[in-house]
């Protein structure tokens, strides 16, 4: 069995905004092209961004946590 995540699972650092909405945390990473959402298929890569998630929490006072998305719905092939 393959251990490669082909997109059935996504991991994201998310935050609860003051209005109650949950959104993906972003980080400014000039080496990678600027401001990027902290979401991806590799848990190892997302965990490597934990310091940015912690900084978001400290700077905003908002709740920040790691979320795993598992539901896949392929609605249309092109």
PDB file of N, CA and C in Angstrom:
ATOM      1  N   UNK A   1       0.837  -1.185   0.000  1.00  0.00           N
ATOM      2  CA  UNK A   1       0.000   0.000   0.000  1.00  0.00           C
ATOM      3  C   UNK A   1       0.882   1.249   0.000  1.00  0.00           C
ATOM      4  N   UNK A   2       0.517   2.202  -0.800  1.00  0.00           N
ATOM      5  CA  UNK A   2       1.258   3.455  -0.896  1.00  0.00           C
ATOM      6  C   UNK A   2       0.970   4.346   0.302  1.00  0.00           C
ATOM      7  N   UNK A   3       1.985   5.061   0.771  1.00  0.00           N
ATOM      8  CA  UNK A   3       1.799   6.013   1.860  1.00  0.00           C
ATOM      9  C   UNK A   3       1.729   7.451   1.339  1.00  0.00           C
ATOM     10  N   UNK A   4       1.724   7.602   0.014  1.00  0.00           N
ATOM     11  CA  UNK A   4       1.663   8.932  -0.590  1.00  0.00           C
ATOM     12  C   UNK A   4       0.246   9.476  -0.445  1.00  0.00           C
ATOM     13  N   UNK A   5       0.128  10.696   0.037  1.00  0.00           N
ATOM     14  CA  UNK A   5      -1.170  11.359   0.166  1.00  0.00           C
ATOM     15  C   UNK A   5      -1.487  12.016  -1.171  1.00  0.00           C
ATOM     16  N   UNK A   6      -2.443  11.457  -1.882  1.00  0.00           N
ATOM     17  CA  UNK A   6      -2.782  11.967  -3.211  1.00  0.00           C
ATOM     18  C   UNK A   6      -3.874  13.031  -3.169  1.00  0.00           C
ATOM     19  N   UNK A   7      -4.084  13.616  -2.041  1.00  0.00           N
ATOM     20  CA  UNK A   7      -5.053  14.697  -1.933  1.00  0.00           C
ATOM     21  C   UNK A   7      -6.324  14.315  -1.217  1.00  0.00           C
ATOM     22  N   UNK A   8      -6.385  13.107  -0.650  1.00  0.00           N
ATOM     23  CA  UNK A   8      -7.565  12.711   0.100  1.00  0.00           C
ATOM     24  C   UNK A   8      -7.625  13.396   1.463  1.00  0.00           C
ATOM     25  N   UNK A   9      -6.478  13.879   1.923  1.00  0.00           N
ATOM     26  CA  UNK A   9      -6.396  14.559   3.222  1.00  0.00           C
ATOM     27  C   UNK A   9      -5.633  15.866   3.039  1.00  0.00           C
ATOM     28  N   UNK A  10      -6.129  16.895   3.660  1.00  0.00           N
ATOM     29  CA  UNK A  10      -5.437  18.184   3.676  1.00  0.00           C
ATOM     30  C   UNK A  10      -5.289  18.628   5.118  1.00  0.00           C
ATOM     31  N   UNK A  11      -4.170  19.264   5.415  1.00  0.00           N
ATOM     32  CA  UNK A  11      -3.910  19.801   6.746  1.00  0.00           C
ATOM     33  C   UNK A  11      -3.784  21.310   6.627  1.00  0.00           C
ATOM     34  N   UNK A  12      -4.305  22.017   7.614  1.00  0.00           N
ATOM     35  CA  UNK A  12      -4.235  23.478   7.571  1.00  0.00           C
ATOM     36  C   UNK A  12      -4.172  24.044   8.977  1.00  0.00           C
ATOM     37  N   UNK A  13      -3.379  25.107   9.122  1.00  0.00           N
ATOM     38  CA  UNK A  13      -3.445  25.904  10.339  1.00  0.00           C
ATOM     39  C   UNK A  13      -4.599  26.871  10.140  1.00  0.00           C
ATOM     40  N   UNK A  14      -5.553  26.847  11.055  1.00  0.00           N
ATOM     41  CA  UNK A  14      -6.725  27.701  10.940  1.00  0.00           C
ATOM     42  C   UNK A  14      -6.867  28.563  12.187  1.00  0.00           C
ATOM     43  N   UNK A  15      -7.669  29.614  12.051  1.00  0.00           N
ATOM     44  CA  UNK A  15      -7.902  30.530  13.157  1.00  0.00           C
ATOM     45  C   UNK A  15      -9.375  30.889  13.225  1.00  0.00           C
ATOM     46  N   UNK A  16      -9.819  31.242  14.419  1.00  0.00           N
ATOM     47  CA  UNK A  16     -11.177  31.740  14.586  1.00  0.00           C
ATOM     48  C   UNK A  16     -11.121  33.261  14.658  1.00  0.00           C
ATOM     49  N   UNK A  17     -11.739  33.900  13.689  1.00  0.00           N
ATOM     50  CA  UNK A  17     -11.742  35.352  13.620  1.00  0.00           C
ATOM     51  C   UNK A  17     -12.725  35.930  14.636  1.00  0.00           C
ATOM     52  N   UNK A  18     -12.622  37.218  14.945  1.00  0.00           N
ATOM     53  CA  UNK A  18     -13.519  37.829  15.936  1.00  0.00           C
ATOM     54  C   UNK A  18     -15.011  37.661  15.619  1.00  0.00           C
ATOM     55  N   UNK A  19     -15.357  37.549  14.337  1.00  0.00           N
ATOM     56  CA  UNK A  19     -16.775  37.384  13.974  1.00  0.00           C
ATOM     57  C   UNK A  19     -17.230  35.926  14.031  1.00  0.00           C
ATOM     58  N   UNK A  20     -16.322  35.009  14.431  1.00  0.00           N
ATOM     59  CA  UNK A  20     -16.676  33.601  14.552  1.00  0.00           C
ATOM     60  C   UNK A  20     -16.320  32.748  13.355  1.00  0.00           C
ATOM     61  N   UNK A  21     -15.946  33.381  12.244  1.00  0.00           N
ATOM     62  CA  UNK A  21     -15.557  32.614  11.053  1.00  0.00           C
ATOM     63  C   UNK A  21     -14.236  31.901  11.295  1.00  0.00           C
ATOM     64  N   UNK A  22     -14.101  30.735  10.689  1.00  0.00           N
ATOM     65  CA  UNK A  22     -12.839  30.003  10.724  1.00  0.00           C
ATOM     66  C   UNK A  22     -12.182  30.176   9.369  1.00  0.00           C
ATOM     67  N   UNK A  23     -10.911  30.569   9.381  1.00  0.00           N
ATOM     68  CA  UNK A  23     -10.198  30.771   8.122  1.00  0.00           C
ATOM     69  C   UNK A  23      -8.784  30.223   8.232  1.00  0.00           C
ATOM     70  N   UNK A  24      -8.160  30.015   7.076  1.00  0.00           N
ATOM     71  CA  UNK A  24      -6.794  29.503   7.016  1.00  0.00           C
ATOM     72  C   UNK A  24      -5.831  30.614   7.391  1.00  0.00           C
ATOM     73  N   UNK A  25      -4.849  30.278   8.217  1.00  0.00           N
ATOM     74  CA  UNK A  25      -3.790  31.219   8.578  1.00  0.00           C
ATOM     75  C   UNK A  25      -2.820  31.305   7.405  1.00  0.00           C
ATOM     76  N   UNK A  26      -2.299  32.476   7.150  1.00  0.00           N
ATOM     77  CA  UNK A  26      -1.297  32.675   6.117  1.00  0.00           C
ATOM     78  C   UNK A  26       0.011  33.129   6.726  1.00  0.00           C
ATOM     79  N   UNK A  27       1.066  33.014   5.962  1.00  0.00           N
ATOM     80  CA  UNK A  27       2.378  33.461   6.416  1.00  0.00           C
ATOM     81  C   UNK A  27       3.084  34.159   5.269  1.00  0.00           C
ATOM     82  N   UNK A  28       3.824  35.197   5.610  1.00  0.00           N
ATOM     83  CA  UNK A  28       4.629  35.900   4.612  1.00  0.00           C
ATOM     84  C   UNK A  28       5.991  35.218   4.541  1.00  0.00           C
ATOM     85  N   UNK A  29       6.252  34.563   3.411  1.00  0.00           N
ATOM     86  CA  UNK A  29       7.496  33.824   3.209  1.00  0.00           C
ATOM     87  C   UNK A  29       8.094  34.274   1.877  1.00  0.00           C
ATOM     88  N   UNK A  30       8.929  35.317   1.907  1.00  0.00           N
ATOM     89  CA  UNK A  30       9.472  35.862   0.663  1.00  0.00           C
ATOM     90  C   UNK A  30      10.205  34.823  -0.191  1.00  0.00           C
ATOM     91  N   UNK A  31      10.868  33.863   0.450  1.00  0.00           N
ATOM     92  CA  UNK A  31      11.623  32.847  -0.288  1.00  0.00           C
ATOM     93  C   UNK A  31      10.704  31.979  -1.153  1.00  0.00           C
ATOM     94  N   UNK A  32       9.423  31.909  -0.768  1.00  0.00           N
ATOM     95  CA  UNK A  32       8.470  31.080  -1.507  1.00  0.00           C
ATOM     96  C   UNK A  32       7.483  31.899  -2.328  1.00  0.00           C
ATOM     97  N   UNK A  33       7.706  33.201  -2.412  1.00  0.00           N
ATOM     98  CA  UNK A  33       6.884  34.009  -3.294  1.00  0.00           C
ATOM     99  C   UNK A  33       5.931  34.968  -2.624  1.00  0.00           C
ATOM    100  N   UNK A  34       6.015  35.137  -1.318  1.00  0.00           N
ATOM    101  CA  UNK A  34       5.162  36.121  -0.658  1.00  0.00           C
ATOM    102  C   UNK A  34       4.249  35.516   0.380  1.00  0.00           C
ATOM    103  N   UNK A  35       3.013  36.012   0.426  1.00  0.00           N
ATOM    104  CA  UNK A  35       2.038  35.580   1.431  1.00  0.00           C
ATOM    105  C   UNK A  35       1.351  34.302   0.956  1.00  0.00           C
ATOM    106  N   UNK A  36       1.449  33.236   1.759  1.00  0.00           N
ATOM    107  CA  UNK A  36       0.924  31.938   1.366  1.00  0.00           C
ATOM    108  C   UNK A  36      -0.006  31.372   2.429  1.00  0.00           C
ATOM    109  N   UNK A  37      -1.073  30.684   2.022  1.00  0.00           N
ATOM    110  CA  UNK A  37      -1.924  30.002   2.991  1.00  0.00           C
ATOM    111  C   UNK A  37      -1.188  28.791   3.554  1.00  0.00           C
ATOM    112  N   UNK A  38      -1.365  28.528   4.817  1.00  0.00           N
ATOM    113  CA  UNK A  38      -0.679  27.418   5.469  1.00  0.00           C
ATOM    114  C   UNK A  38      -1.571  26.181   5.407  1.00  0.00           C
ATOM    115  N   UNK A  39      -1.639  25.588   4.214  1.00  0.00           N
ATOM    116  CA  UNK A  39      -2.448  24.416   3.950  1.00  0.00           C
ATOM    117  C   UNK A  39      -1.689  23.508   2.995  1.00  0.00           C
ATOM    118  N   UNK A  40      -1.785  22.203   3.192  1.00  0.00           N
ATOM    119  CA  UNK A  40      -1.097  21.292   2.297  1.00  0.00           C
ATOM    120  C   UNK A  40      -1.389  19.837   2.604  1.00  0.00           C
ATOM    121  N   UNK A  41      -0.845  18.949   1.767  1.00  0.00           N
ATOM    122  CA  UNK A  41      -1.077  17.511   1.905  1.00  0.00           C
ATOM    123  C   UNK A  41      -0.107  16.844   2.863  1.00  0.00           C
ATOM    124  N   UNK A  42       1.025  17.453   3.113  1.00  0.00           N
ATOM    125  CA  UNK A  42       2.055  16.831   3.945  1.00  0.00           C
ATOM    126  C   UNK A  42       1.974  17.361   5.377  1.00  0.00           C
ATOM    127  N   UNK A  43       1.680  16.462   6.311  1.00  0.00           N
ATOM    128  CA  UNK A  43       1.636  16.864   7.712  1.00  0.00           C
ATOM    129  C   UNK A  43       3.003  17.360   8.169  1.00  0.00           C
ATOM    130  N   UNK A  44       4.073  16.731   7.712  1.00  0.00           N
ATOM    131  CA  UNK A  44       5.421  17.165   8.095  1.00  0.00           C
ATOM    132  C   UNK A  44       5.680  18.608   7.675  1.00  0.00           C
ATOM    133  N   UNK A  45       5.282  18.963   6.440  1.00  0.00           N
ATOM    134  CA  UNK A  45       5.499  20.331   5.972  1.00  0.00           C
ATOM    135  C   UNK A  45       4.642  21.328   6.740  1.00  0.00           C
ATOM    136  N   UNK A  46       3.412  20.956   7.040  1.00  0.00           N
ATOM    137  CA  UNK A  46       2.530  21.862   7.785  1.00  0.00           C
ATOM    138  C   UNK A  46       3.036  22.048   9.206  1.00  0.00           C
ATOM    139  N   UNK A  47       3.528  20.980   9.824  1.00  0.00           N
ATOM    140  CA  UNK A  47       4.072  21.099  11.179  1.00  0.00           C
ATOM    141  C   UNK A  47       5.317  21.984  11.201  1.00  0.00           C
ATOM    142  N   UNK A  48       6.057  22.015  10.093  1.00  0.00           N
ATOM    143  CA  UNK A  48       7.235  22.877  10.011  1.00  0.00           C
ATOM    144  C   UNK A  48       6.852  24.352  10.034  1.00  0.00           C
ATOM    145  N   UNK A  49       5.568  24.661   9.792  1.00  0.00           N
ATOM    146  CA  UNK A  49       5.087  26.045   9.800  1.00  0.00           C
ATOM    147  C   UNK A  49       4.485  26.446  11.144  1.00  0.00           C
ATOM    148  N   UNK A  50       4.641  25.583  12.140  1.00  0.00           N
ATOM    149  CA  UNK A  50       4.018  25.827  13.443  1.00  0.00           C
ATOM    150  C   UNK A  50       4.450  27.158  14.055  1.00  0.00           C
ATOM    151  N   UNK A  51       5.696  27.560  13.852  1.00  0.00           N
ATOM    152  CA  UNK A  51       6.152  28.834  14.424  1.00  0.00           C
ATOM    153  C   UNK A  51       5.363  30.018  13.852  1.00  0.00           C
ATOM    154  N   UNK A  52       4.966  29.944  12.580  1.00  0.00           N
ATOM    155  CA  UNK A  52       4.164  31.005  11.982  1.00  0.00           C
ATOM    156  C   UNK A  52       2.748  31.004  12.572  1.00  0.00           C
ATOM    157  N   UNK A  53       2.203  29.805  12.796  1.00  0.00           N
ATOM    158  CA  UNK A  53       0.878  29.701  13.416  1.00  0.00           C
ATOM    159  C   UNK A  53       0.909  30.275  14.830  1.00  0.00           C
ATOM    160  N   UNK A  54       1.961  29.952  15.571  1.00  0.00           N
ATOM    161  CA  UNK A  54       2.102  30.474  16.933  1.00  0.00           C
ATOM    162  C   UNK A  54       2.238  32.001  16.911  1.00  0.00           C
ATOM    163  N   UNK A  55       2.982  32.529  15.954  1.00  0.00           N
ATOM    164  CA  UNK A  55       3.139  33.986  15.846  1.00  0.00           C
ATOM    165  C   UNK A  55       1.800  34.650  15.543  1.00  0.00           C
ATOM    166  N   UNK A  56       0.981  34.017  14.701  1.00  0.00           N
ATOM    167  CA  UNK A  56      -0.350  34.566  14.400  1.00  0.00           C
ATOM    168  C   UNK A  56      -1.181  34.641  15.681  1.00  0.00           C
ATOM    169  N   UNK A  57      -1.147  33.571  16.460  1.00  0.00           N
ATOM    170  CA  UNK A  57      -1.891  33.545  17.729  1.00  0.00           C
ATOM    171  C   UNK A  57      -1.407  34.654  18.667  1.00  0.00           C
ATOM    172  N   UNK A  58      -0.099  34.795  18.792  1.00  0.00           N
ATOM    173  CA  UNK A  58       0.455  35.799  19.696  1.00  0.00           C
ATOM    174  C   UNK A  58       0.144  37.220  19.235  1.00  0.00           C
ATOM    175  N   UNK A  59       0.174  37.451  17.919  1.00  0.00           N
ATOM    176  CA  UNK A  59      -0.047  38.799  17.390  1.00  0.00           C
ATOM    177  C   UNK A  59      -1.509  39.200  17.347  1.00  0.00           C
ATOM    178  N   UNK A  60      -2.413  38.221  17.232  1.00  0.00           N
ATOM    179  CA  UNK A  60      -3.840  38.551  17.104  1.00  0.00           C
ATOM    180  C   UNK A  60      -4.653  38.210  18.340  1.00  0.00           C
ATOM    181  N   UNK A  61      -4.148  37.305  19.185  1.00  0.00           N
ATOM    182  CA  UNK A  61      -4.913  36.835  20.333  1.00  0.00           C
ATOM    183  C   UNK A  61      -6.022  35.861  19.948  1.00  0.00           C
ATOM    184  N   UNK A  62      -6.035  35.455  18.681  1.00  0.00           N
ATOM    185  CA  UNK A  62      -7.061  34.534  18.197  1.00  0.00           C
ATOM    186  C   UNK A  62      -6.671  33.087  18.487  1.00  0.00           C
ATOM    187  N   UNK A  63      -7.681  32.233  18.594  1.00  0.00           N
ATOM    188  CA  UNK A  63      -7.448  30.802  18.700  1.00  0.00           C
ATOM    189  C   UNK A  63      -6.859  30.318  17.372  1.00  0.00           C
ATOM    190  N   UNK A  64      -5.829  29.479  17.432  1.00  0.00           N
ATOM    191  CA  UNK A  64      -5.208  28.893  16.245  1.00  0.00           C
ATOM    192  C   UNK A  64      -5.027  27.403  16.512  1.00  0.00           C
ATOM    193  N   UNK A  65      -5.377  26.562  15.534  1.00  0.00           N
ATOM    194  CA  UNK A  65      -5.209  25.120  15.702  1.00  0.00           C
ATOM    195  C   UNK A  65      -4.977  24.457  14.354  1.00  0.00           C
ATOM    196  N   UNK A  66      -4.480  23.229  14.414  1.00  0.00           N
ATOM    197  CA  UNK A  66      -4.245  22.439  13.209  1.00  0.00           C
ATOM    198  C   UNK A  66      -5.513  21.656  12.908  1.00  0.00           C
ATOM    199  N   UNK A  67      -5.971  21.737  11.665  1.00  0.00           N
ATOM    200  CA  UNK A  67      -7.193  21.042  11.253  1.00  0.00           C
ATOM    201  C   UNK A  67      -6.846  20.093  10.113  1.00  0.00           C
ATOM    202  N   UNK A  68      -7.479  18.914  10.136  1.00  0.00           N
ATOM    203  CA  UNK A  68      -7.331  17.941   9.065  1.00  0.00           C
ATOM    204  C   UNK A  68      -8.668  17.820   8.344  1.00  0.00           C
ATOM    205  N   UNK A  69      -8.623  17.987   7.025  1.00  0.00           N
ATOM    206  CA  UNK A  69      -9.806  17.832   6.179  1.00  0.00           C
ATOM    207  C   UNK A  69      -9.703  16.486   5.472  1.00  0.00           C
ATOM    208  N   UNK A  70     -10.756  15.656   5.574  1.00  0.00           N
ATOM    209  CA  UNK A  70     -10.704  14.316   5.016  1.00  0.00           C
ATOM    210  C   UNK A  70     -11.730  14.067   3.917  1.00  0.00           C
ATOM    211  N   UNK A  71     -12.749  14.854   3.818  1.00  0.00           N
ATOM    212  CA  UNK A  71     -13.807  14.580   2.860  1.00  0.00           C
ATOM    213  C   UNK A  71     -13.369  14.961   1.452  1.00  0.00           C
ATOM    214  N   UNK A  72     -13.561  14.054   0.534  1.00  0.00           N
ATOM    215  CA  UNK A  72     -13.222  14.311  -0.860  1.00  0.00           C
ATOM    216  C   UNK A  72     -14.482  14.149  -1.687  1.00  0.00           C
ATOM    217  N   UNK A  73     -14.755  15.135  -2.525  1.00  0.00           N
ATOM    218  CA  UNK A  73     -15.908  15.068  -3.403  1.00  0.00           C
ATOM    219  C   UNK A  73     -15.452  15.493  -4.796  1.00  0.00           C
ATOM    220  N   UNK A  74     -15.193  14.534  -5.649  1.00  0.00           N
ATOM    221  CA  UNK A  74     -14.809  14.831  -7.022  1.00  0.00           C
ATOM    222  C   UNK A  74     -16.093  14.991  -7.832  1.00  0.00           C
ATOM    223  N   UNK A  75     -16.390  16.217  -8.217  1.00  0.00           N
ATOM    224  CA  UNK A  75     -17.677  16.470  -8.881  1.00  0.00           C
ATOM    225  C   UNK A  75     -17.603  16.488 -10.394  1.00  0.00           C
ATOM    226  N   UNK A  76     -16.426  16.804 -10.944  1.00  0.00           N
ATOM    227  CA  UNK A  76     -16.358  16.899 -12.409  1.00  0.00           C
ATOM    228  C   UNK A  76     -14.920  16.757 -12.874  1.00  0.00           C
ATOM    229  N   UNK A  77     -14.713  15.904 -13.847  1.00  0.00           N
ATOM    230  CA  UNK A  77     -13.414  15.803 -14.516  1.00  0.00           C
ATOM    231  C   UNK A  77     -13.460  16.647 -15.781  1.00  0.00           C
ATOM    232  N   UNK A  78     -12.344  17.252 -16.112  1.00  0.00           N
ATOM    233  CA  UNK A  78     -12.240  18.037 -17.348  1.00  0.00           C
ATOM    234  C   UNK A  78     -11.388  17.305 -18.349  1.00  0.00           C
TER     235      UNK A  78
END
